[in-house]
Amino acid sequence: PVQGLPEAIYESQKSDVFLILGTSGVVWPAASLPGHAKRVDAKLIEINANEICFPSIVDISIMGKTGEILPEIVERVRSLRS
């Protein structure tokens, strides 16, 4: 078994929102985690510079560099909490 995989699946299945960041979506078993989150109705957000790798299951897809997009998201969330 892959070390840490059971914990990653468990955490995926507890998610309300699941971020998919800068991945090719082909490395298994990590590529299975979005599916685990989706099965418990988590909202999936994928941010990727080159392509959207999970188009059939994501709720929001953003094309761009994670290092540029994430700080903007964090700032917007902070402004909502103020």
PDB file of N, CA and C in Angstrom:
ATOM      1  N   PRO A   1       0.817  -1.206   0.000  1.00  0.00           N
ATOM      2  CA  PRO A   1       0.000   0.000   0.000  1.00  0.00           C
ATOM      3  C   PRO A   1       0.858   1.266   0.000  1.00  0.00           C
ATOM      4  N   VAL A   2       0.323   2.324  -0.561  1.00  0.00           N
ATOM      5  CA  VAL A   2       1.016   3.603  -0.601  1.00  0.00           C
ATOM      6  C   VAL A   2       0.897   4.259   0.766  1.00  0.00           C
ATOM      7  N   GLN A   3       2.041   4.656   1.329  1.00  0.00           N
ATOM      8  CA  GLN A   3       2.043   5.282   2.651  1.00  0.00           C
ATOM      9  C   GLN A   3       1.252   6.590   2.611  1.00  0.00           C
ATOM     10  N   GLY A   4       0.365   6.758   3.571  1.00  0.00           N
ATOM     11  CA  GLY A   4      -0.425   7.971   3.668  1.00  0.00           C
ATOM     12  C   GLY A   4      -1.699   7.973   2.831  1.00  0.00           C
ATOM     13  N   LEU A   5      -1.851   7.012   1.934  1.00  0.00           N
ATOM     14  CA  LEU A   5      -3.028   7.010   1.070  1.00  0.00           C
ATOM     15  C   LEU A   5      -4.334   6.859   1.845  1.00  0.00           C
ATOM     16  N   PRO A   6      -4.433   5.948   2.805  1.00  0.00           N
ATOM     17  CA  PRO A   6      -5.699   5.857   3.545  1.00  0.00           C
ATOM     18  C   PRO A   6      -6.085   7.169   4.225  1.00  0.00           C
ATOM     19  N   GLU A   7      -5.096   7.880   4.774  1.00  0.00           N
ATOM     20  CA  GLU A   7      -5.387   9.173   5.411  1.00  0.00           C
ATOM     21  C   GLU A   7      -5.829  10.212   4.385  1.00  0.00           C
ATOM     22  N   ALA A   8      -5.191  10.200   3.214  1.00  0.00           N
ATOM     23  CA  ALA A   8      -5.559  11.149   2.164  1.00  0.00           C
ATOM     24  C   ALA A   8      -6.979  10.892   1.666  1.00  0.00           C
ATOM     25  N   ILE A   9      -7.339   9.640   1.510  1.00  0.00           N
ATOM     26  CA  ILE A   9      -8.702   9.298   1.096  1.00  0.00           C
ATOM     27  C   ILE A   9      -9.695   9.730   2.170  1.00  0.00           C
ATOM     28  N   TYR A  10      -9.369   9.442   3.423  1.00  0.00           N
ATOM     29  CA  TYR A  10     -10.239   9.830   4.540  1.00  0.00           C
ATOM     30  C   TYR A  10     -10.473  11.343   4.553  1.00  0.00           C
ATOM     31  N   GLU A  11      -9.398  12.111   4.429  1.00  0.00           N
ATOM     32  CA  GLU A  11      -9.530  13.574   4.433  1.00  0.00           C
ATOM     33  C   GLU A  11     -10.308  14.063   3.209  1.00  0.00           C
ATOM     34  N   SER A  12     -10.095  13.431   2.058  1.00  0.00           N
ATOM     35  CA  SER A  12     -10.839  13.792   0.845  1.00  0.00           C
ATOM     36  C   SER A  12     -12.336  13.611   1.067  1.00  0.00           C
ATOM     37  N   GLN A  13     -12.684  12.542   1.747  1.00  0.00           N
ATOM     38  CA  GLN A  13     -14.093  12.225   1.971  1.00  0.00           C
ATOM     39  C   GLN A  13     -14.739  13.100   3.043  1.00  0.00           C
ATOM     40  N   LYS A  14     -13.956  13.901   3.739  1.00  0.00           N
ATOM     41  CA  LYS A  14     -14.489  14.849   4.717  1.00  0.00           C
ATOM     42  C   LYS A  14     -14.581  16.263   4.152  1.00  0.00           C
ATOM     43  N   SER A  15     -14.165  16.447   2.914  1.00  0.00           N
ATOM     44  CA  SER A  15     -14.041  17.778   2.325  1.00  0.00           C
ATOM     45  C   SER A  15     -15.378  18.393   1.955  1.00  0.00           C
ATOM     46  N   ASP A  16     -15.487  19.683   2.198  1.00  0.00           N
ATOM     47  CA  ASP A  16     -16.574  20.481   1.644  1.00  0.00           C
ATOM     48  C   ASP A  16     -16.128  21.083   0.316  1.00  0.00           C
ATOM     49  N   VAL A  17     -14.857  21.490   0.286  1.00  0.00           N
ATOM     50  CA  VAL A  17     -14.233  22.051  -0.908  1.00  0.00           C
ATOM     51  C   VAL A  17     -12.903  21.334  -1.079  1.00  0.00           C
ATOM     52  N   PHE A  18     -12.607  20.929  -2.302  1.00  0.00           N
ATOM     53  CA  PHE A  18     -11.382  20.195  -2.599  1.00  0.00           C
ATOM     54  C   PHE A  18     -10.649  20.938  -3.704  1.00  0.00           C
ATOM     55  N   LEU A  19      -9.426  21.384  -3.426  1.00  0.00           N
ATOM     56  CA  LEU A  19      -8.626  22.099  -4.416  1.00  0.00           C
ATOM     57  C   LEU A  19      -7.729  21.129  -5.167  1.00  0.00           C
ATOM     58  N   ILE A  20      -7.730  21.244  -6.477  1.00  0.00           N
ATOM     59  CA  ILE A  20      -6.855  20.459  -7.348  1.00  0.00           C
ATOM     60  C   ILE A  20      -5.904  21.470  -7.971  1.00  0.00           C
ATOM     61  N   LEU A  21      -4.636  21.388  -7.604  1.00  0.00           N
ATOM     62  CA  LEU A  21      -3.700  22.456  -7.949  1.00  0.00           C
ATOM     63  C   LEU A  21      -2.515  21.947  -8.758  1.00  0.00           C
ATOM     64  N   GLY A  22      -2.325  22.508  -9.930  1.00  0.00           N
ATOM     65  CA  GLY A  22      -1.137  22.279 -10.725  1.00  0.00           C
ATOM     66  C   GLY A  22      -0.755  20.832 -10.942  1.00  0.00           C
ATOM     67  N   THR A  23      -1.665  20.034 -11.406  1.00  0.00           N
ATOM     68  CA  THR A  23      -1.393  18.612 -11.597  1.00  0.00           C
ATOM     69  C   THR A  23      -1.694  18.175 -13.021  1.00  0.00           C
ATOM     70  N   SER A  24      -1.048  17.103 -13.414  1.00  0.00           N
ATOM     71  CA  SER A  24      -1.354  16.518 -14.726  1.00  0.00           C
ATOM     72  C   SER A  24      -2.543  15.576 -14.629  1.00  0.00           C
ATOM     73  N   GLY A  25      -2.868  15.164 -13.407  1.00  0.00           N
ATOM     74  CA  GLY A  25      -4.003  14.270 -13.209  1.00  0.00           C
ATOM     75  C   GLY A  25      -3.766  12.840 -13.635  1.00  0.00           C
ATOM     76  N   VAL A  26      -2.504  12.471 -13.838  1.00  0.00           N
ATOM     77  CA  VAL A  26      -2.228  11.116 -14.301  1.00  0.00           C
ATOM     78  C   VAL A  26      -1.447  10.262 -13.294  1.00  0.00           C
ATOM     79  N   VAL A  27      -0.987  10.850 -12.217  1.00  0.00           N
ATOM     80  CA  VAL A  27      -0.202  10.103 -11.235  1.00  0.00           C
ATOM     81  C   VAL A  27      -1.154   9.450 -10.228  1.00  0.00           C
ATOM     82  N   TRP A  28      -1.190   8.139 -10.286  1.00  0.00           N
ATOM     83  CA  TRP A  28      -2.065   7.381  -9.395  1.00  0.00           C
ATOM     84  C   TRP A  28      -1.261   6.841  -8.223  1.00  0.00           C
ATOM     85  N   PRO A  29      -1.835   6.764  -7.067  1.00  0.00           N
ATOM     86  CA  PRO A  29      -3.242   6.901  -6.713  1.00  0.00           C
ATOM     87  C   PRO A  29      -3.687   8.323  -6.373  1.00  0.00           C
ATOM     88  N   ALA A  30      -2.771   9.295  -6.392  1.00  0.00           N
ATOM     89  CA  ALA A  30      -3.156  10.664  -6.036  1.00  0.00           C
ATOM     90  C   ALA A  30      -4.273  11.197  -6.936  1.00  0.00           C
ATOM     91  N   ALA A  31      -4.284  10.812  -8.194  1.00  0.00           N
ATOM     92  CA  ALA A  31      -5.302  11.287  -9.122  1.00  0.00           C
ATOM     93  C   ALA A  31      -6.697  10.777  -8.784  1.00  0.00           C
ATOM     94  N   SER A  32      -6.791   9.809  -7.884  1.00  0.00           N
ATOM     95  CA  SER A  32      -8.104   9.300  -7.483  1.00  0.00           C
ATOM     96  C   SER A  32      -8.755  10.147  -6.394  1.00  0.00           C
ATOM     97  N   LEU A  33      -7.978  11.011  -5.738  1.00  0.00           N
ATOM     98  CA  LEU A  33      -8.511  11.766  -4.596  1.00  0.00           C
ATOM     99  C   LEU A  33      -9.656  12.710  -4.956  1.00  0.00           C
ATOM    100  N   PRO A  34      -9.611  13.426  -6.083  1.00  0.00           N
ATOM    101  CA  PRO A  34     -10.767  14.263  -6.421  1.00  0.00           C
ATOM    102  C   PRO A  34     -12.070  13.455  -6.537  1.00  0.00           C
ATOM    103  N   GLY A  35     -11.989  12.263  -7.060  1.00  0.00           N
ATOM    104  CA  GLY A  35     -13.183  11.422  -7.169  1.00  0.00           C
ATOM    105  C   GLY A  35     -13.747  11.042  -5.814  1.00  0.00           C
ATOM    106  N   HIS A  36     -12.873  10.780  -4.852  1.00  0.00           N
ATOM    107  CA  HIS A  36     -13.330  10.486  -3.492  1.00  0.00           C
ATOM    108  C   HIS A  36     -14.060  11.687  -2.899  1.00  0.00           C
ATOM    109  N   ALA A  37     -13.523  12.876  -3.129  1.00  0.00           N
ATOM    110  CA  ALA A  37     -14.165  14.088  -2.609  1.00  0.00           C
ATOM    111  C   ALA A  37     -15.508  14.338  -3.303  1.00  0.00           C
ATOM    112  N   LYS A  38     -15.550  14.131  -4.590  1.00  0.00           N
ATOM    113  CA  LYS A  38     -16.779  14.380  -5.352  1.00  0.00           C
ATOM    114  C   LYS A  38     -17.905  13.444  -4.922  1.00  0.00           C
ATOM    115  N   ARG A  39     -17.563  12.215  -4.565  1.00  0.00           N
ATOM    116  CA  ARG A  39     -18.587  11.250  -4.146  1.00  0.00           C
ATOM    117  C   ARG A  39     -19.290  11.663  -2.854  1.00  0.00           C
ATOM    118  N   VAL A  40     -18.689  12.555  -2.078  1.00  0.00           N
ATOM    119  CA  VAL A  40     -19.357  13.055  -0.863  1.00  0.00           C
ATOM    120  C   VAL A  40     -19.849  14.486  -1.081  1.00  0.00           C
ATOM    121  N   ASP A  41     -20.011  14.853  -2.356  1.00  0.00           N
ATOM    122  CA  ASP A  41     -20.565  16.148  -2.760  1.00  0.00           C
ATOM    123  C   ASP A  41     -19.700  17.353  -2.426  1.00  0.00           C
ATOM    124  N   ALA A  42     -18.389  17.162  -2.311  1.00  0.00           N
ATOM    125  CA  ALA A  42     -17.495  18.311  -2.153  1.00  0.00           C
ATOM    126  C   ALA A  42     -17.510  19.123  -3.437  1.00  0.00           C
ATOM    127  N   LYS A  43     -17.306  20.408  -3.312  1.00  0.00           N
ATOM    128  CA  LYS A  43     -17.135  21.268  -4.479  1.00  0.00           C
ATOM    129  C   LYS A  43     -15.669  21.179  -4.891  1.00  0.00           C
ATOM    130  N   LEU A  44     -15.415  20.897  -6.156  1.00  0.00           N
ATOM    131  CA  LEU A  44     -14.059  20.756  -6.662  1.00  0.00           C
ATOM    132  C   LEU A  44     -13.660  21.985  -7.448  1.00  0.00           C
ATOM    133  N   ILE A  45     -12.496  22.529  -7.105  1.00  0.00           N
ATOM    134  CA  ILE A  45     -11.937  23.683  -7.793  1.00  0.00           C
ATOM    135  C   ILE A  45     -10.570  23.282  -8.327  1.00  0.00           C
ATOM    136  N   GLU A  46     -10.403  23.362  -9.635  1.00  0.00           N
ATOM    137  CA  GLU A  46      -9.117  23.024 -10.238  1.00  0.00           C
ATOM    138  C   GLU A  46      -8.457  24.278 -10.782  1.00  0.00           C
ATOM    139  N   ILE A  47      -7.197  24.468 -10.393  1.00  0.00           N
ATOM    140  CA  ILE A  47      -6.382  25.562 -10.905  1.00  0.00           C
ATOM    141  C   ILE A  47      -5.173  24.921 -11.572  1.00  0.00           C
ATOM    142  N   ASN A  48      -5.002  25.224 -12.852  1.00  0.00           N
ATOM    143  CA  ASN A  48      -3.922  24.601 -13.602  1.00  0.00           C
ATOM    144  C   ASN A  48      -3.479  25.552 -14.706  1.00  0.00           C
ATOM    145  N   ALA A  49      -2.189  25.626 -14.934  1.00  0.00           N
ATOM    146  CA  ALA A  49      -1.655  26.554 -15.932  1.00  0.00           C
ATOM    147  C   ALA A  49      -1.842  26.070 -17.358  1.00  0.00           C
ATOM    148  N   ASN A  50      -1.810  24.758 -17.565  1.00  0.00           N
ATOM    149  CA  ASN A  50      -1.775  24.256 -18.932  1.00  0.00           C
ATOM    150  C   ASN A  50      -3.069  23.631 -19.433  1.00  0.00           C
ATOM    151  N   GLU A  51      -3.752  22.925 -18.560  1.00  0.00           N
ATOM    152  CA  GLU A  51      -4.989  22.265 -18.974  1.00  0.00           C
ATOM    153  C   GLU A  51      -5.822  21.928 -17.745  1.00  0.00           C
ATOM    154  N   ILE A  52      -7.103  21.741 -17.961  1.00  0.00           N
ATOM    155  CA  ILE A  52      -7.984  21.260 -16.903  1.00  0.00           C
ATOM    156  C   ILE A  52      -8.024  19.748 -17.051  1.00  0.00           C
ATOM    157  N   CYS A  53      -7.615  19.052 -15.998  1.00  0.00           N
ATOM    158  CA  CYS A  53      -7.436  17.596 -16.075  1.00  0.00           C
ATOM    159  C   CYS A  53      -8.651  16.803 -15.605  1.00  0.00           C
ATOM    160  N   PHE A  54      -9.571  17.466 -14.914  1.00  0.00           N
ATOM    161  CA  PHE A  54     -10.754  16.780 -14.392  1.00  0.00           C
ATOM    162  C   PHE A  54     -12.035  17.496 -14.843  1.00  0.00           C
ATOM    163  N   PRO A  55     -12.179  17.782 -16.137  1.00  0.00           N
ATOM    164  CA  PRO A  55     -13.311  18.604 -16.590  1.00  0.00           C
ATOM    165  C   PRO A  55     -14.680  17.997 -16.309  1.00  0.00           C
ATOM    166  N   SER A  56     -14.764  16.689 -16.224  1.00  0.00           N
ATOM    167  CA  SER A  56     -16.078  16.080 -16.040  1.00  0.00           C
ATOM    168  C   SER A  56     -16.581  16.141 -14.597  1.00  0.00           C
ATOM    169  N   ILE A  57     -15.690  16.470 -13.639  1.00  0.00           N
ATOM    170  CA  ILE A  57     -16.148  16.474 -12.241  1.00  0.00           C
ATOM    171  C   ILE A  57     -15.929  17.792 -11.505  1.00  0.00           C
ATOM    172  N   VAL A  58     -15.114  18.712 -12.051  1.00  0.00           N
ATOM    173  CA  VAL A  58     -14.874  19.956 -11.317  1.00  0.00           C
ATOM    174  C   VAL A  58     -16.075  20.883 -11.405  1.00  0.00           C
ATOM    175  N   ASP A  59     -16.245  21.647 -10.339  1.00  0.00           N
ATOM    176  CA  ASP A  59     -17.305  22.655 -10.308  1.00  0.00           C
ATOM    177  C   ASP A  59     -16.797  23.993 -10.823  1.00  0.00           C
ATOM    178  N   ILE A  60     -15.533  24.278 -10.558  1.00  0.00           N
ATOM    179  CA  ILE A  60     -14.913  25.518 -11.028  1.00  0.00           C
ATOM    180  C   ILE A  60     -13.540  25.170 -11.566  1.00  0.00           C
ATOM    181  N   SER A  61     -13.253  25.636 -12.772  1.00  0.00           N
ATOM    182  CA  SER A  61     -11.918  25.448 -13.330  1.00  0.00           C
ATOM    183  C   SER A  61     -11.337  26.818 -13.652  1.00  0.00           C
ATOM    184  N   ILE A  62     -10.083  27.000 -13.275  1.00  0.00           N
ATOM    185  CA  ILE A  62      -9.397  28.270 -13.489  1.00  0.00           C
ATOM    186  C   ILE A  62      -8.073  27.969 -14.187  1.00  0.00           C
ATOM    187  N   MET A  63      -7.907  28.552 -15.354  1.00  0.00           N
ATOM    188  CA  MET A  63      -6.632  28.408 -16.067  1.00  0.00           C
ATOM    189  C   MET A  63      -5.705  29.518 -15.599  1.00  0.00           C
ATOM    190  N   GLY A  64      -4.560  29.121 -15.092  1.00  0.00           N
ATOM    191  CA  GLY A  64      -3.576  30.096 -14.640  1.00  0.00           C
ATOM    192  C   GLY A  64      -2.582  29.440 -13.715  1.00  0.00           C
ATOM    193  N   LYS A  65      -1.560  30.199 -13.362  1.00  0.00           N
ATOM    194  CA  LYS A  65      -0.526  29.697 -12.472  1.00  0.00           C
ATOM    195  C   LYS A  65      -1.025  29.725 -11.034  1.00  0.00           C
ATOM    196  N   THR A  66      -0.888  28.605 -10.375  1.00  0.00           N
ATOM    197  CA  THR A  66      -1.354  28.477  -9.000  1.00  0.00           C
ATOM    198  C   THR A  66      -0.762  29.561  -8.108  1.00  0.00           C
ATOM    199  N   GLY A  67       0.522  29.854  -8.280  1.00  0.00           N
ATOM    200  CA  GLY A  67       1.194  30.861  -7.460  1.00  0.00           C
ATOM    201  C   GLY A  67       0.643  32.261  -7.647  1.00  0.00           C
ATOM    202  N   GLU A  68      -0.040  32.503  -8.750  1.00  0.00           N
ATOM    203  CA  GLU A  68      -0.662  33.808  -8.993  1.00  0.00           C
ATOM    204  C   GLU A  68      -2.132  33.808  -8.590  1.00  0.00           C
ATOM    205  N   ILE A  69      -2.815  32.698  -8.829  1.00  0.00           N
ATOM    206  CA  ILE A  69      -4.257  32.620  -8.591  1.00  0.00           C
ATOM    207  C   ILE A  69      -4.577  32.473  -7.098  1.00  0.00           C
ATOM    208  N   LEU A  70      -3.854  31.594  -6.393  1.00  0.00           N
ATOM    209  CA  LEU A  70      -4.168  31.329  -4.981  1.00  0.00           C
ATOM    210  C   LEU A  70      -4.090  32.569  -4.098  1.00  0.00           C
ATOM    211  N   PRO A  71      -3.058  33.419  -4.214  1.00  0.00           N
ATOM    212  CA  PRO A  71      -3.048  34.620  -3.371  1.00  0.00           C
ATOM    213  C   PRO A  71      -4.270  35.509  -3.595  1.00  0.00           C
ATOM    214  N   GLU A  72      -4.733  35.567  -4.824  1.00  0.00           N
ATOM    215  CA  GLU A  72      -5.925  36.363  -5.121  1.00  0.00           C
ATOM    216  C   GLU A  72      -7.163  35.757  -4.444  1.00  0.00           C
ATOM    217  N   ILE A  73      -7.280  34.440  -4.492  1.00  0.00           N
ATOM    218  CA  ILE A  73      -8.403  33.766  -3.840  1.00  0.00           C
ATOM    219  C   ILE A  73      -8.349  33.998  -2.336  1.00  0.00           C
ATOM    220  N   VAL A  74      -7.173  33.858  -1.741  1.00  0.00           N
ATOM    221  CA  VAL A  74      -7.023  34.068  -0.296  1.00  0.00           C
ATOM    222  C   VAL A  74      -7.444  35.490   0.069  1.00  0.00           C
ATOM    223  N   GLU A  75      -7.032  36.458  -0.704  1.00  0.00           N
ATOM    224  CA  GLU A  75      -7.384  37.860  -0.428  1.00  0.00           C
ATOM    225  C   GLU A  75      -8.897  38.075  -0.519  1.00  0.00           C
ATOM    226  N   ARG A  76      -9.522  37.484  -1.515  1.00  0.00           N
ATOM    227  CA  ARG A  76     -10.977  37.643  -1.661  1.00  0.00           C
ATOM    228  C   ARG A  76     -11.721  36.973  -0.509  1.00  0.00           C
ATOM    229  N   VAL A  77     -11.271  35.815  -0.083  1.00  0.00           N
ATOM    230  CA  VAL A  77     -11.904  35.137   1.054  1.00  0.00           C
ATOM    231  C   VAL A  77     -11.733  35.963   2.324  1.00  0.00           C
ATOM    232  N   ARG A  78     -10.550  36.518   2.517  1.00  0.00           N
ATOM    233  CA  ARG A  78     -10.317  37.383   3.692  1.00  0.00           C
ATOM    234  C   ARG A  78     -11.249  38.583   3.679  1.00  0.00           C
ATOM    235  N   SER A  79     -11.463  39.178   2.516  1.00  0.00           N
ATOM    236  CA  SER A  79     -12.341  40.354   2.444  1.00  0.00           C
ATOM    237  C   SER A  79     -13.793  39.972   2.744  1.00  0.00           C
ATOM    238  N   LEU A  80     -14.187  38.754   2.426  1.00  0.00           N
ATOM    239  CA  LEU A  80     -15.542  38.311   2.728  1.00  0.00           C
ATOM    240  C   LEU A  80     -15.736  38.101   4.231  1.00  0.00           C
ATOM    241  N   ARG A  81     -14.660  37.717   4.909  1.00  0.00           N
ATOM    242  CA  ARG A  81     -14.728  37.435   6.350  1.00  0.00           C
ATOM    243  C   ARG A  81     -14.635  38.698   7.186  1.00  0.00           C
ATOM    244  N   SER A  82     -14.249  39.823   6.590  1.00  0.00           N
ATOM    245  CA  SER A  82     -14.080  41.082   7.347  1.00  0.00           C
ATOM    246  C   SER A  82     -15.404  41.747   7.617  1.00  0.00           C
TER     247      SER A  82
END
